[in-house]
Structures are given as C-alpha cells and as structure tokens.
Amino acid sequence: MQSQHDALDELTPGEPRAAESTIRILKAFYKMGDLDAMEQYIVLWNLDAADKTPEQVKEAAFIMDLMTGMREFENENGQGSCLQLEHEAVAELLERNFYPARALDNARKATWNPAAYRDWEVPRFRRTGNSAATKPSNTATSAAGLR
C-alpha cells in the first residue's frame, strides 16, 4: 500500500488557479480538519505559482503555518486525527465511507480544534448537478459537495 507521503510526492502541479479560490478551498478544508485534502489542493491548484496580491501572499503563508501545526498534530496522533467529525461536509463524506477507518479512529481519539478562521463560513454555491469540489485521495476517489 502506498503511503500518504508517497502519494503526495507523485502529484504533479496543475495549472495555477486563482489564488482567492484556492485559499477559500484551503480554508474550507482547514475547518473540516482535512490536512490530506489541503496538501493535495496546494499542489494540484499550484498555489505557489498562482499570481497573488500582497494580502493573498500573507494569507497563503498563514495557511502554510496552520498546516505545519496540523502536520505535527497528525504525526503525533495519526493520519486523520485533525478531522472534525461534526463538520457538515465531513459528516456527509462519512456517510459515503470516504475516509479510511484508521483516519476515523484517530479523529475519534484526538482533540484537535481548528482555532483559526472561527468566524469564517464556507461560501455557499448553487449546485448545478456537478459537485462544488472534489478531493482526490490515495485511498479512494470521490466527489464531495462543500456547502
């Protein structure tokens, strides 16, 4: 079985997307506690190469610092331990058996709390038949509509 680290190393950076969109997606995944998705989207949406305003540069650096803390927490408590099981999008993905059992076990035992962006809400999108976001995974590929 391929490790999470190896799967991330194999990702090829995609065409840079608008920095604001990528940052919004990363904030949503942060509130979900989904470090795996954050790491993948930074590469796939090529945040490093995206044109950014000075404010977006600061925001991207802040998100990277948050991810460092999440990585440290997951290194100590196991993959998936940052997942917020009560988050609406995570609960929806749980119903679809999206996350591996070990990640759920780690999340149930952990006490990580997404302290940043307390007042920030996930923007709501009108659904048009396609999901608003997809999360590639080394364990499964699934689409998740983030509301």
C-alpha atoms as a PDB file:
ATOM      1  CA  MET A   1       0.000   0.000   0.000  1.00  0.00           C
ATOM      2  CA  GLN A   2       1.303   3.440  -0.926  1.00  0.00           C
ATOM      3  CA  SER A   3       1.935   5.811   1.972  1.00  0.00           C
ATOM      4  CA  GLN A   4       0.268   9.216   2.128  1.00  0.00           C
ATOM      5  CA  HIS A   5       3.656  10.908   1.799  1.00  0.00           C
ATOM      6  CA  ASP A   6       4.499   8.919  -1.340  1.00  0.00           C
ATOM      7  CA  ALA A   7       1.116   9.727  -2.879  1.00  0.00           C
ATOM      8  CA  LEU A   8       1.672  13.465  -2.319  1.00  0.00           C
ATOM      9  CA  ASP A   9       5.172  13.253  -3.825  1.00  0.00           C
ATOM     10  CA  GLU A  10       3.673  11.806  -7.015  1.00  0.00           C
ATOM     11  CA  LEU A  11       1.216  14.671  -7.521  1.00  0.00           C
ATOM     12  CA  THR A  12       2.030  16.878 -10.455  1.00  0.00           C
ATOM     13  CA  PRO A  13       1.352  20.577 -10.008  1.00  0.00           C
ATOM     14  CA  GLY A  14      -1.551  21.672 -12.147  1.00  0.00           C
ATOM     15  CA  GLU A  15      -2.203  24.942 -13.859  1.00  0.00           C
ATOM     16  CA  PRO A  16      -2.337  27.688 -11.253  1.00  0.00           C
ATOM     17  CA  ARG A  17      -5.867  28.612 -10.274  1.00  0.00           C
ATOM     18  CA  ALA A  18      -6.973  31.971  -8.948  1.00  0.00           C
ATOM     19  CA  ALA A  19      -5.282  32.374  -5.571  1.00  0.00           C
ATOM     20  CA  GLU A  20      -8.509  33.556  -3.930  1.00  0.00           C
ATOM     21  CA  SER A  21     -10.339  30.372  -4.974  1.00  0.00           C
ATOM     22  CA  THR A  22      -7.531  28.143  -3.765  1.00  0.00           C
ATOM     23  CA  ILE A  23      -7.313  29.981  -0.449  1.00  0.00           C
ATOM     24  CA  ARG A  24     -11.087  29.667   0.051  1.00  0.00           C
ATOM     25  CA  ILE A  25     -10.920  25.925  -0.632  1.00  0.00           C
ATOM     26  CA  LEU A  26      -7.988  25.554   1.758  1.00  0.00           C
ATOM     27  CA  LYS A  27      -9.901  27.416   4.474  1.00  0.00           C
ATOM     28  CA  ALA A  28     -12.862  25.081   3.975  1.00  0.00           C
ATOM     29  CA  PHE A  29     -10.646  22.004   4.250  1.00  0.00           C
ATOM     30  CA  TYR A  30      -8.944  23.525   7.306  1.00  0.00           C
ATOM     31  CA  LYS A  31     -12.292  23.912   9.069  1.00  0.00           C
ATOM     32  CA  MET A  32     -13.005  20.268   8.171  1.00  0.00           C
ATOM     33  CA  GLY A  33      -9.601  19.290   9.562  1.00  0.00           C
ATOM     34  CA  ASP A  34      -8.733  17.572   6.289  1.00  0.00           C
ATOM     35  CA  LEU A  35      -4.959  18.018   6.053  1.00  0.00           C
ATOM     36  CA  ASP A  36      -4.746  15.422   3.271  1.00  0.00           C
ATOM     37  CA  ALA A  37      -7.051  17.499   1.058  1.00  0.00           C
ATOM     38  CA  MET A  38      -5.189  20.712   1.893  1.00  0.00           C
ATOM     39  CA  GLU A  39      -1.856  19.210   0.902  1.00  0.00           C
ATOM     40  CA  GLN A  40      -3.264  17.855  -2.333  1.00  0.00           C
ATOM     41  CA  TYR A  41      -5.030  21.047  -3.396  1.00  0.00           C
ATOM     42  CA  ILE A  42      -1.966  23.202  -2.768  1.00  0.00           C
ATOM     43  CA  VAL A  43      -0.149  21.071  -5.347  1.00  0.00           C
ATOM     44  CA  LEU A  44      -2.994  20.374  -7.778  1.00  0.00           C
ATOM     45  CA  TRP A  45      -4.118  24.007  -7.885  1.00  0.00           C
ATOM     46  CA  ASN A  46      -0.466  25.149  -7.805  1.00  0.00           C
ATOM     47  CA  LEU A  47      -0.808  27.860  -5.176  1.00  0.00           C
ATOM     48  CA  ASP A  48       2.933  28.548  -5.297  1.00  0.00           C
ATOM     49  CA  ALA A  49       2.757  29.571  -8.971  1.00  0.00           C
ATOM     50  CA  ALA A  50      -0.530  31.495  -8.753  1.00  0.00           C
ATOM     51  CA  ASP A  51      -0.483  35.268  -9.033  1.00  0.00           C
ATOM     52  CA  LYS A  52      -1.214  36.666  -5.596  1.00  0.00           C
ATOM     53  CA  THR A  53      -1.880  40.064  -4.111  1.00  0.00           C
ATOM     54  CA  PRO A  54       0.255  41.021  -1.102  1.00  0.00           C
ATOM     55  CA  GLU A  55      -2.700  40.133   1.145  1.00  0.00           C
ATOM     56  CA  GLN A  56      -3.041  36.712  -0.522  1.00  0.00           C
ATOM     57  CA  VAL A  57       0.693  36.103  -0.034  1.00  0.00           C
ATOM     58  CA  LYS A  58       0.199  36.714   3.710  1.00  0.00           C
ATOM     59  CA  GLU A  59      -2.923  34.528   3.784  1.00  0.00           C
ATOM     60  CA  ALA A  60      -1.161  31.683   1.948  1.00  0.00           C
ATOM     61  CA  ALA A  61       1.774  31.876   4.377  1.00  0.00           C
ATOM     62  CA  PHE A  62      -0.642  31.816   7.318  1.00  0.00           C
ATOM     63  CA  ILE A  63      -2.364  28.725   5.909  1.00  0.00           C
ATOM     64  CA  MET A  64       1.008  27.033   5.429  1.00  0.00           C
ATOM     65  CA  ASP A  65       1.813  27.739   9.106  1.00  0.00           C
ATOM     66  CA  LEU A  66      -1.545  26.256  10.116  1.00  0.00           C
ATOM     67  CA  MET A  67      -0.772  23.176   8.043  1.00  0.00           C
ATOM     68  CA  THR A  68       2.590  22.797   9.782  1.00  0.00           C
ATOM     69  CA  GLY A  69       0.765  22.664  13.105  1.00  0.00           C
ATOM     70  CA  MET A  70      -1.764  20.176  11.725  1.00  0.00           C
ATOM     71  CA  ARG A  71       1.065  18.011  10.346  1.00  0.00           C
ATOM     72  CA  GLU A  72       2.759  17.987  13.747  1.00  0.00           C
ATOM     73  CA  PHE A  73      -0.531  17.019  15.401  1.00  0.00           C
ATOM     74  CA  GLU A  74      -1.159  14.213  12.889  1.00  0.00           C
ATOM     75  CA  ASN A  75       2.429  12.981  13.200  1.00  0.00           C
ATOM     76  CA  GLU A  76       1.800  12.577  16.910  1.00  0.00           C
ATOM     77  CA  ASN A  77      -1.821  11.376  16.786  1.00  0.00           C
ATOM     78  CA  GLY A  78      -2.071   9.591  13.427  1.00  0.00           C
ATOM     79  CA  GLN A  79      -3.350  10.391   9.950  1.00  0.00           C
ATOM     80  CA  GLY A  80      -6.809  11.928  10.023  1.00  0.00           C
ATOM     81  CA  SER A  81      -6.621  12.994  13.669  1.00  0.00           C
ATOM     82  CA  CYS A  82      -7.428  16.610  12.720  1.00  0.00           C
ATOM     83  CA  LEU A  83     -10.737  15.644  11.076  1.00  0.00           C
ATOM     84  CA  GLN A  84     -13.724  17.428  12.566  1.00  0.00           C
ATOM     85  CA  LEU A  85     -16.303  14.649  12.612  1.00  0.00           C
ATOM     86  CA  GLU A  86     -19.150  17.024  13.474  1.00  0.00           C
ATOM     87  CA  HIS A  87     -18.448  19.271  10.458  1.00  0.00           C
ATOM     88  CA  GLU A  88     -21.312  19.051   7.951  1.00  0.00           C
ATOM     89  CA  ALA A  89     -19.115  18.175   4.953  1.00  0.00           C
ATOM     90  CA  VAL A  90     -17.102  15.594   6.931  1.00  0.00           C
ATOM     91  CA  ALA A  91     -20.321  14.004   8.194  1.00  0.00           C
ATOM     92  CA  GLU A  92     -21.581  13.826   4.604  1.00  0.00           C
ATOM     93  CA  LEU A  93     -18.352  12.145   3.495  1.00  0.00           C
ATOM     94  CA  LEU A  94     -18.571   9.728   6.432  1.00  0.00           C
ATOM     95  CA  GLU A  95     -21.956   8.596   5.135  1.00  0.00           C
ATOM     96  CA  ARG A  96     -20.239   7.797   1.823  1.00  0.00           C
ATOM     97  CA  ASN A  97     -17.427   5.828   3.557  1.00  0.00           C
ATOM     98  CA  PHE A  98     -14.910   8.267   2.090  1.00  0.00           C
ATOM     99  CA  TYR A  99     -12.328   8.294   4.877  1.00  0.00           C
ATOM    100  CA  PRO A 100     -10.269   5.201   5.771  1.00  0.00           C
ATOM    101  CA  ALA A 101     -11.144   3.512   9.074  1.00  0.00           C
ATOM    102  CA  ARG A 102      -7.769   4.327  10.666  1.00  0.00           C
ATOM    103  CA  ALA A 103      -8.274   8.046   9.979  1.00  0.00           C
ATOM    104  CA  LEU A 104     -11.681   7.919  11.660  1.00  0.00           C
ATOM    105  CA  ASP A 105     -10.282   6.043  14.645  1.00  0.00           C
ATOM    106  CA  ASN A 106      -7.564   8.666  15.002  1.00  0.00           C
ATOM    107  CA  ALA A 107     -10.091  11.519  14.689  1.00  0.00           C
ATOM    108  CA  ARG A 108     -12.330   9.971  17.357  1.00  0.00           C
ATOM    109  CA  LYS A 109      -9.422   9.807  19.823  1.00  0.00           C
ATOM    110  CA  ALA A 110      -7.965  13.247  19.056  1.00  0.00           C
ATOM    111  CA  THR A 111      -8.781  16.697  20.385  1.00  0.00           C
ATOM    112  CA  TRP A 112      -7.535  18.975  17.582  1.00  0.00           C
ATOM    113  CA  ASN A 113      -9.544  22.163  17.239  1.00  0.00           C
ATOM    114  CA  PRO A 114      -9.396  24.480  14.203  1.00  0.00           C
ATOM    115  CA  ALA A 115      -8.747  27.714  16.099  1.00  0.00           C
ATOM    116  CA  ALA A 116      -8.167  29.951  13.066  1.00  0.00           C
ATOM    117  CA  TYR A 117     -10.989  31.351  10.944  1.00  0.00           C
ATOM    118  CA  ARG A 118     -13.570  30.956  13.725  1.00  0.00           C
ATOM    119  CA  ASP A 119     -15.961  33.434  12.114  1.00  0.00           C
ATOM    120  CA  TRP A 120     -15.299  32.368   8.540  1.00  0.00           C
ATOM    121  CA  GLU A 121     -18.096  30.394   6.914  1.00  0.00           C
ATOM    122  CA  VAL A 122     -17.762  28.146   3.903  1.00  0.00           C
ATOM    123  CA  PRO A 123     -19.231  30.065   0.961  1.00  0.00           C
ATOM    124  CA  ARG A 124     -22.436  28.545  -0.332  1.00  0.00           C
ATOM    125  CA  PHE A 125     -22.612  27.638  -4.002  1.00  0.00           C
ATOM    126  CA  ARG A 126     -25.627  26.784  -6.072  1.00  0.00           C
ATOM    127  CA  ARG A 127     -25.336  23.202  -7.164  1.00  0.00           C
ATOM    128  CA  THR A 128     -25.665  22.549 -10.864  1.00  0.00           C
ATOM    129  CA  GLY A 129     -25.524  18.776 -10.960  1.00  0.00           C
ATOM    130  CA  ASN A 130     -21.758  18.703 -10.520  1.00  0.00           C
ATOM    131  CA  SER A 131     -20.211  18.781  -7.091  1.00  0.00           C
ATOM    132  CA  ALA A 132     -18.686  22.055  -5.923  1.00  0.00           C
ATOM    133  CA  ALA A 133     -15.365  20.407  -5.104  1.00  0.00           C
ATOM    134  CA  THR A 134     -13.611  17.109  -5.471  1.00  0.00           C
ATOM    135  CA  LYS A 135     -10.945  15.604  -3.272  1.00  0.00           C
ATOM    136  CA  PRO A 136      -8.503  13.188  -4.830  1.00  0.00           C
ATOM    137  CA  SER A 137      -7.331  10.542  -2.405  1.00  0.00           C
ATOM    138  CA  ASN A 138      -4.796   7.764  -2.419  1.00  0.00           C
ATOM    139  CA  THR A 139      -7.414   5.513  -0.787  1.00  0.00           C
ATOM    140  CA  ALA A 140     -10.489   6.474  -2.776  1.00  0.00           C
ATOM    141  CA  THR A 141     -11.658   8.998  -5.292  1.00  0.00           C
ATOM    142  CA  SER A 142     -14.922  10.653  -4.508  1.00  0.00           C
ATOM    143  CA  ALA A 143     -16.688  13.926  -5.032  1.00  0.00           C
ATOM    144  CA  ALA A 144     -17.905  15.981  -2.130  1.00  0.00           C
ATOM    145  CA  GLY A 145     -20.157  18.976  -2.395  1.00  0.00           C
ATOM    146  CA  LEU A 146     -18.968  21.590   0.080  1.00  0.00           C
ATOM    147  CA  ARG A 147     -21.716  23.865   1.205  1.00  0.00           C
END
